[in-house]
Protein backbone atom coordinates (compact mmCIF):
# COMPACT_ATOMS: atom_id res chain seq x y z
CA MET A 1 3.29 7.03 -40.81
CA ILE A 2 2.81 6.23 -37.13
CA ILE A 3 4.35 8.66 -34.65
CA SER A 4 4.66 7.68 -31.01
CA LEU A 5 4.84 10.37 -28.35
CA VAL A 6 6.90 8.93 -25.54
CA ALA A 7 6.55 10.56 -22.12
CA CYS A 8 9.80 9.99 -20.32
CA GLY A 9 9.52 11.98 -17.11
CA GLU A 10 9.78 15.61 -16.17
CA THR A 11 13.34 16.05 -17.33
CA ASN A 12 15.07 15.95 -20.66
CA PRO A 13 16.67 12.48 -20.95
CA ARG A 14 19.96 14.16 -21.78
CA GLU A 15 19.78 15.77 -18.34
CA GLN A 16 18.94 12.56 -16.47
CA ASP A 17 20.95 12.08 -13.33
CA GLU A 18 23.61 9.57 -14.31
CA ASP A 19 23.80 8.30 -10.75
CA ASN A 20 20.08 7.52 -10.81
CA ILE A 21 20.40 5.58 -14.04
CA ASN A 22 23.34 3.70 -12.62
CA ASP A 23 21.28 2.79 -9.54
CA VAL A 24 18.64 1.24 -11.73
CA SER A 25 20.72 -0.47 -14.37
CA GLY A 26 24.22 -0.79 -12.97
CA GLU A 27 23.80 -4.44 -12.09
CA ALA A 28 21.98 -5.36 -15.30
CA ALA A 29 23.47 -7.85 -17.70
CA SER A 30 24.04 -5.11 -20.27
CA ASP A 31 26.49 -3.48 -17.83
CA MET A 32 25.79 -0.03 -19.28
CA ASN A 33 26.60 3.10 -17.36
CA GLY A 34 24.09 5.94 -17.23
CA GLN A 35 25.41 7.87 -20.22
CA GLU A 36 25.64 4.69 -22.29
CA ALA A 37 22.01 3.91 -21.47
CA VAL A 38 20.89 7.31 -22.70
CA SER A 39 23.17 7.09 -25.74
CA PHE A 40 21.76 3.67 -26.60
CA VAL A 41 18.26 5.09 -26.73
CA GLU A 42 19.35 8.07 -28.78
CA GLU A 43 21.38 6.04 -31.28
CA ASN A 44 19.10 3.04 -31.69
CA THR A 45 15.63 4.50 -31.32
CA THR A 46 16.12 7.75 -33.28
CA VAL A 47 14.78 9.99 -30.53
CA GLU A 48 14.19 13.70 -30.76
CA VAL A 49 13.41 15.74 -27.67
CA ALA A 50 10.43 18.04 -28.11
CA ASP A 51 10.78 21.69 -27.31
CA ASP A 52 8.18 22.76 -29.87
CA THR A 53 5.90 19.73 -30.16
CA GLN A 54 3.97 20.69 -33.31
CA ASN A 55 7.06 21.67 -35.30
CA LEU A 56 8.77 18.48 -34.22
CA LEU A 57 5.86 16.35 -35.38
CA ASP A 58 5.89 18.13 -38.74
CA ASP A 59 9.61 17.48 -39.16
CA LEU A 60 9.71 13.84 -38.12
CA GLU A 61 10.60 11.32 -40.79
CA GLU A 62 9.30 7.77 -41.07
CA GLY A 63 10.68 5.57 -38.29
CA GLU A 64 11.46 8.48 -35.99
CA MET A 65 9.84 8.85 -32.60
CA ALA A 66 9.20 11.94 -30.53
CA MET A 67 10.05 11.91 -26.85
CA ILE A 68 8.39 14.62 -24.76
CA PRO A 69 8.31 15.26 -21.02
CA TYR A 70 5.20 14.63 -18.95
CA ASP A 71 4.46 18.30 -18.50
CA GLU A 72 4.03 18.59 -22.26
CA ALA A 73 2.27 15.25 -22.78
CA ASP A 74 0.02 15.67 -19.78
CA VAL A 75 -3.43 14.14 -19.79
CA GLY A 76 -6.12 14.36 -17.17
CA ILE A 77 -7.31 11.54 -14.99
CA ALA A 78 -9.73 9.21 -16.78
CA GLY A 79 -11.35 7.73 -13.69
CA SER A 80 -12.75 9.54 -10.68
CA ILE A 81 -10.36 11.37 -8.39
CA PRO A 82 -10.54 9.58 -5.02
CA ASP A 83 -12.43 11.45 -2.34
CA ILE A 84 -9.61 11.27 0.17
CA GLU A 85 -7.21 13.92 1.43
CA ILE A 86 -3.53 13.05 1.66
CA ASP A 87 -0.85 15.31 3.12
CA ILE A 88 2.53 13.76 2.36
CA ASN A 89 4.40 16.32 4.43
CA ALA A 90 2.23 15.60 7.46
CA LEU A 91 2.83 11.87 7.03
CA ARG A 92 6.57 12.47 6.92
CA GLU A 93 6.38 13.85 10.43
CA THR A 94 5.62 10.27 11.48
CA ASN A 95 8.41 8.80 9.38
CA PRO A 96 10.71 10.73 7.01
CA ASP A 97 11.03 7.63 4.82
CA ILE A 98 7.44 8.13 3.63
CA CYS A 99 7.74 9.25 0.00
CA ALA A 100 4.26 8.82 -1.49
CA TYR A 101 0.82 7.31 -0.92
CA ILE A 102 -1.13 4.63 -2.78
CA TYR A 103 -4.88 4.13 -3.02
CA VAL A 104 -6.47 1.24 -4.95
CA PRO A 105 -10.27 1.48 -5.23
CA GLY A 106 -12.05 -1.82 -4.64
CA THR A 107 -9.39 -2.99 -2.20
CA SER A 108 -8.21 -2.14 1.30
CA ILE A 109 -4.96 -0.69 -0.11
CA ASN A 110 -4.90 2.84 1.26
CA ASN A 111 -1.36 3.24 2.58
CA ALA A 112 1.80 5.29 2.68
CA ILE A 113 4.75 4.20 0.52
CA LEU A 114 8.15 4.17 2.17
CA LYS A 115 11.66 3.97 0.79
CA ARG A 116 15.14 3.35 2.15
CA ASP A 117 18.16 3.91 -0.05
CA ASP A 118 20.00 0.91 1.38
CA SER A 119 17.40 -1.86 1.60
CA ASN A 120 14.34 -3.31 -0.11
CA GLU A 121 13.65 -5.65 2.80
CA TYR A 122 13.62 -3.32 5.80
CA TYR A 123 10.00 -2.21 5.42
CA LEU A 124 8.83 -5.73 4.77
CA GLU A 125 9.60 -6.24 8.47
CA HIS A 126 8.70 -2.78 9.82
CA ASN A 127 5.53 -0.71 9.77
CA GLU A 128 4.97 2.93 8.84
CA GLU A 129 5.91 4.00 12.39
CA ASP A 130 9.27 2.24 11.91
CA GLU A 131 8.34 -0.41 14.45
CA SER A 132 9.18 -4.09 14.02
CA ASP A 133 6.15 -5.72 12.38
CA LYS A 134 6.04 -9.01 10.46
CA ALA A 135 3.27 -7.67 8.22
CA GLY A 136 5.52 -4.81 7.14
CA CYS A 137 4.28 -2.00 4.91
CA ILE A 138 4.49 -0.90 1.28
CA CYS A 139 7.97 0.06 0.11
CA MET A 140 9.58 1.32 -3.08
CA ASP A 141 12.62 -0.26 -4.68
CA MET A 142 15.77 1.48 -3.51
CA GLY A 143 16.78 2.01 -7.16
CA ASN A 144 13.72 4.07 -8.03
CA GLU A 145 13.13 7.81 -7.95
CA THR A 146 10.32 8.92 -5.64
CA SER A 147 8.98 11.14 -8.45
CA PHE A 148 7.67 8.01 -10.27
CA THR A 149 9.40 9.16 -13.45
CA ASP A 150 11.45 5.99 -13.95
CA PRO A 151 10.27 3.73 -16.79
CA VAL A 152 9.35 1.07 -14.22
CA THR A 153 8.70 1.86 -10.55
CA CYS A 154 8.56 -1.18 -8.27
CA LEU A 155 6.57 -1.38 -5.05
CA TYR A 156 6.70 -4.32 -2.65
CA ALA A 157 4.58 -5.57 0.24
CA ARG A 158 3.53 -8.81 1.87
CA SER A 159 0.41 -10.54 0.57
CA GLY A 160 -0.98 -12.56 3.48
CA GLU A 161 -4.47 -12.00 4.84
CA GLY A 162 -4.62 -8.58 6.43
CA GLU A 163 -1.22 -7.62 5.02
CA PRO A 164 -0.73 -4.54 2.80
CA PHE A 165 -0.96 -6.26 -0.61
CA GLY A 166 -3.28 -9.07 0.49
CA ASP A 167 -6.13 -7.78 -1.67
CA LEU A 168 -4.11 -7.82 -4.89
CA ILE A 169 -5.15 -11.45 -5.31
CA GLY A 170 -8.42 -10.07 -6.62
CA TYR A 171 -6.63 -9.02 -9.80
CA LEU A 172 -6.28 -12.68 -10.77
CA ASP A 173 -10.02 -12.49 -11.54
CA PRO A 174 -10.73 -10.80 -14.92
CA ASP A 175 -14.06 -9.46 -13.68
CA PHE A 176 -12.39 -7.85 -10.67
CA MET A 177 -9.72 -6.26 -12.83
CA ASN A 178 -12.32 -4.90 -15.21
CA ALA A 179 -14.27 -3.37 -12.34
CA ASN A 180 -11.17 -1.98 -10.58
CA GLN A 181 -8.87 -0.76 -13.34
CA PHE A 182 -7.30 2.24 -11.67
CA ILE A 183 -4.54 2.78 -9.12
CA TYR A 184 -3.77 6.20 -7.66
CA ILE A 185 -0.39 7.41 -6.43
CA TYR A 186 -0.13 10.61 -4.41
CA SER A 187 3.22 12.38 -4.58
CA ASP A 188 4.23 15.82 -3.35
CA GLU A 189 2.46 17.66 -6.17
CA TYR A 190 0.27 15.28 -8.13
CA ILE A 191 -2.22 12.45 -8.04
CA ASN A 192 -1.00 10.02 -10.70
CA GLU A 193 -3.49 7.61 -12.19
CA TYR A 194 -2.43 4.20 -13.50
CA ARG A 195 -4.49 1.62 -15.36
CA VAL A 196 -3.91 -2.07 -14.66
CA PHE A 197 -2.90 -4.14 -17.68
CA ALA A 198 -1.42 -7.33 -16.16
CA SER A 199 -1.69 -9.60 -13.15
CA TYR A 200 0.13 -12.89 -12.80
CA GLU A 201 2.06 -15.09 -10.39
CA THR A 202 5.76 -15.88 -10.62
CA ASP A 203 8.52 -17.70 -8.76
CA ASP A 204 11.15 -15.32 -10.14
CA THR A 205 12.51 -13.30 -7.21
CA GLU A 206 15.18 -11.35 -9.09
CA ARG A 207 14.77 -7.57 -8.91
CA LEU A 208 13.32 -6.23 -12.15
CA LEU A 209 15.59 -3.20 -11.98
CA VAL A 210 18.61 -5.51 -11.97
CA LYS A 211 17.35 -8.04 -14.48
CA TYR A 212 16.42 -5.42 -17.09
CA ASN A 213 17.77 -2.06 -18.19
CA PHE A 214 14.48 -0.19 -18.65
CA TYR A 215 16.30 2.95 -19.79
CA ASP A 216 17.06 1.00 -22.96
CA TYR A 217 13.81 1.69 -24.80
CA SER A 218 14.11 -1.44 -26.95
CA GLU A 219 14.57 -3.60 -23.86
CA TYR A 220 11.62 -1.90 -22.18
CA GLN A 221 9.42 -2.53 -25.20
CA SER A 222 10.51 -6.18 -25.35
CA TYR A 223 9.68 -6.54 -21.67
CA ILE A 224 6.12 -5.23 -22.19
CA ASP A 225 5.67 -7.63 -25.11
CA GLU A 226 7.07 -10.47 -23.01
CA ILE A 227 4.43 -9.82 -20.35
CA LEU A 228 1.49 -9.51 -22.70
CA SER A 229 2.41 -12.61 -24.72
CA MET A 230 2.96 -14.95 -21.78
CA ARG A 231 1.37 -18.41 -22.01
CA ASP A 232 -0.08 -18.62 -18.53
CA MET A 233 -3.73 -19.55 -18.24
CA ALA A 234 -3.90 -17.98 -14.79
CA ALA A 235 -2.54 -14.61 -15.95
CA VAL A 236 -4.99 -11.77 -16.50
CA LEU A 237 -3.79 -9.52 -19.31
CA ASN A 238 -5.27 -6.50 -21.04
CA THR A 239 -3.49 -6.50 -24.40
CA ASP A 240 -5.50 -3.46 -25.49
CA LEU A 241 -3.19 -1.38 -23.29
CA ARG A 242 0.01 -2.54 -24.99
CA ASP A 243 0.48 0.62 -27.02
CA ASN A 244 -0.22 2.78 -23.96
CA ALA A 245 2.36 0.92 -21.91
CA ILE A 246 4.99 1.24 -24.63
CA SER A 247 4.33 4.84 -25.65
CA THR A 248 4.27 6.29 -22.13
CA TRP A 249 7.49 4.49 -21.11
CA ASN A 250 6.11 4.58 -17.58
CA ILE A 251 4.54 1.77 -15.58
CA ILE A 252 4.34 0.71 -11.96
CA THR A 253 4.76 -2.84 -10.71
CA LEU A 254 3.13 -3.91 -7.46
CA THR A 255 4.79 -7.06 -6.13
CA ALA A 256 2.84 -9.04 -3.55
CA ILE A 257 5.19 -11.36 -1.65
CA ASP A 258 3.80 -14.55 -0.10
CA ASN A 259 5.32 -16.30 2.89
CA ASP A 260 6.55 -19.14 0.66
CA GLY A 261 8.51 -16.66 -1.47
CA SER A 262 6.18 -16.78 -4.47
CA ARG A 263 5.05 -13.49 -5.91
CA GLN A 264 2.10 -11.95 -7.67
CA LEU A 265 2.74 -8.95 -9.89
CA VAL A 266 0.12 -6.34 -10.74
CA GLN A 267 1.30 -3.90 -13.38
CA ALA A 268 -0.30 -0.66 -14.46
CA VAL A 269 0.46 2.03 -17.04
CA TYR A 270 0.53 5.78 -16.42
CA ASN A 271 -2.87 7.13 -17.43
CA GLY A 272 -2.90 10.79 -16.38
CA ARG A 273 -2.52 13.06 -13.38
CA ALA A 274 -4.12 15.91 -11.49
CA GLU A 275 -2.80 18.51 -9.10
CA TYR A 276 -4.07 18.52 -5.54
């Protein structure tokens, strides 16, 4: 019997903020509300929430899956903790919209992440100091939680030379991806480590959080399989990380936006965290 431990964030899914789930999935084709999304997972995936992990594992029957919060499924960082000091609160003194920080070894990506609740485009035209700037900065989808506990957290930035996500083009080279597997996100309490499993180009500009309901575990799993089975010779995919991506129920998507509207996506799965 195979048992999957699914890390779903720091809160019990039954206590998820319904408004947050509605923000993410309200425009999706499934047209579920927040409670329906949670109910769908519970009814169709046979989920049990772990309070006592070992007893739960002993009691699970074939086909059942255990869902446990990150603080009980925690794993340490596999790579090397970056030798940089980040003070999110100090950064917020410059701009209160700063919600996190991203560092990608092997690239020049070493930037604050900003978020507005009313726009995904604003910070594509403004810098971290909230000044008009065509290069923009790195921003989070307005439907995401800044805790990075959503199943899929989306970050956007422009990809021209010298622009925030310009170096992501390197991930279209398998050798580069192999040498630079890790992405680090600094939040208020933790350094989260993510491991890159996919890089590819697309002309699809629809928001992922609108196109898919990632709180539907079956839909999330199908989405991961869709990525890793794509027939694109230019795509760089690490299929060995499929099970990790599915079992953690937590990935980030970095979307590099070119001037012609085309996009490159770099996607990475949660791989551990450390306090700082």
